[in-house]
């Protein structure tokens, strides 16, 4: 005798079909809801401002987002890593200016 493709001899009952439809619909609605939420939800790490600094630094195996608010942001913007001429300093300095923690003119001219 040849192998059977359907080892069950019976079909799903009406109740089983209903349960499967409800479960599938619930999963589908959850995925749609997550997609909509992901598309329209505000991202607190997207922009600097209001005393918070967000710096995205590229790396060889990905990147990192540094996020500072309040006193941490002030200390970060006054640190030597922001005052130098390296890539991190250039990226960080601009975000500190956007957050209002560094004056725009003194940071761009490099003089005090």
Protein backbone atom coordinates (compact mmCIF):
# COMPACT_ATOMS: atom_id res chain seq x y z
CA UNK A 1 0.00 0.00 0.00
CA UNK A 2 1.26 3.44 -0.89
CA UNK A 3 1.83 6.17 1.72
CA UNK A 4 -1.06 8.45 2.46
CA UNK A 5 -0.67 12.22 2.23
CA UNK A 6 -3.36 12.80 4.88
CA UNK A 7 -3.04 10.39 7.78
CA UNK A 8 -6.32 11.59 9.27
CA UNK A 9 -9.43 9.95 7.92
CA UNK A 10 -11.70 12.73 9.07
CA UNK A 11 -12.11 16.40 8.23
CA UNK A 12 -12.10 19.26 10.69
CA UNK A 13 -15.42 19.89 12.34
CA UNK A 14 -17.21 23.19 12.00
CA UNK A 15 -16.16 24.13 15.55
CA UNK A 16 -12.48 23.34 14.86
CA UNK A 17 -12.59 25.44 11.72
CA UNK A 18 -14.11 28.32 13.70
CA UNK A 19 -11.41 28.08 16.37
CA UNK A 20 -8.69 28.07 13.70
CA UNK A 21 -10.25 31.07 11.94
CA UNK A 22 -10.48 33.04 15.20
CA UNK A 23 -6.87 32.19 16.13
CA UNK A 24 -5.62 33.12 12.66
CA UNK A 25 -7.60 36.36 12.64
CA UNK A 26 -6.27 37.31 16.07
CA UNK A 27 -2.68 36.75 14.98
CA UNK A 28 -3.28 38.72 11.79
CA UNK A 29 -4.84 41.64 13.68
CA UNK A 30 -1.94 41.65 16.16
CA UNK A 31 0.61 41.79 13.32
CA UNK A 32 -1.29 44.59 11.57
CA UNK A 33 -1.53 46.52 14.85
CA UNK A 34 2.20 46.16 15.48
CA UNK A 35 2.94 47.33 11.94
CA UNK A 36 0.78 50.43 12.32
CA UNK A 37 2.26 51.19 15.76
CA UNK A 38 5.79 50.84 14.39
CA UNK A 39 5.03 53.19 11.52
CA UNK A 40 3.38 56.02 13.45
CA UNK A 41 4.74 55.83 17.03
CA UNK A 42 7.09 58.67 17.99
CA UNK A 43 10.71 57.70 18.51
CA UNK A 44 12.25 59.33 21.58
CA UNK A 45 15.76 58.63 20.24
CA UNK A 46 15.21 60.12 16.80
CA UNK A 47 16.12 63.77 17.40
CA UNK A 48 18.03 65.89 19.87
CA UNK A 49 16.27 68.76 21.60
CA UNK A 50 14.69 70.01 24.82
CA UNK A 51 17.85 69.33 26.83
CA UNK A 52 18.37 65.81 25.48
CA UNK A 53 21.17 64.71 23.16
CA UNK A 54 20.94 61.73 20.81
CA UNK A 55 24.07 60.83 18.86
CA UNK A 56 24.18 57.91 16.44
CA UNK A 57 27.71 56.68 15.91
CA UNK A 58 28.51 54.30 13.05
CA UNK A 59 30.69 51.27 13.67
CA UNK A 60 32.17 48.39 11.71
CA UNK A 61 29.61 45.87 12.95
CA UNK A 62 26.67 48.25 13.29
CA UNK A 63 26.16 51.42 15.23
CA UNK A 64 25.30 52.75 18.63
CA UNK A 65 22.92 55.46 19.77
CA UNK A 66 24.05 57.49 22.75
CA UNK A 67 21.20 59.18 24.63
CA UNK A 68 21.70 61.74 27.39
CA UNK A 69 19.20 64.02 29.16
CA UNK A 70 19.47 66.69 31.83
CA UNK A 71 22.74 66.87 33.76
CA UNK A 72 24.13 63.88 31.86
CA UNK A 73 23.63 65.77 28.61
CA UNK A 74 25.34 68.89 29.98
CA UNK A 75 28.33 66.86 31.18
CA UNK A 76 28.51 65.04 27.85
CA UNK A 77 28.40 68.26 25.82
CA UNK A 78 31.14 69.82 27.97
CA UNK A 79 33.36 66.73 27.84
CA UNK A 80 36.56 66.49 25.85
CA UNK A 81 35.02 63.95 23.46
CA UNK A 82 32.73 66.69 22.10
CA UNK A 83 35.32 69.49 22.06
CA UNK A 84 37.88 67.71 19.83
CA UNK A 85 38.13 67.40 16.06
CA UNK A 86 37.46 63.66 15.69
CA UNK A 87 34.46 62.09 14.01
CA UNK A 88 32.68 61.50 17.33
CA UNK A 89 33.25 65.14 18.32
CA UNK A 90 31.88 66.50 15.05
CA UNK A 91 28.75 64.34 15.22
CA UNK A 92 28.22 65.03 18.93
CA UNK A 93 28.84 68.78 18.77
CA UNK A 94 26.05 69.32 16.25
CA UNK A 95 23.56 67.39 18.40
CA UNK A 96 24.59 69.41 21.48
CA UNK A 97 23.89 72.60 19.53
CA UNK A 98 20.45 71.32 18.51
CA UNK A 99 19.69 70.49 22.15
CA UNK A 100 20.70 74.04 23.14
CA UNK A 101 23.59 72.91 25.32
CA UNK A 102 26.35 74.52 23.21
CA UNK A 103 26.25 77.92 21.56
CA UNK A 104 26.31 77.64 17.78
CA UNK A 105 28.91 80.32 17.08
CA UNK A 106 31.57 79.25 19.59
CA UNK A 107 31.33 75.60 18.57
CA UNK A 108 31.72 76.38 14.88
CA UNK A 109 34.68 78.77 15.25
CA UNK A 110 36.47 76.75 17.92
CA UNK A 111 37.32 79.84 20.06
CA UNK A 112 36.08 80.77 23.53
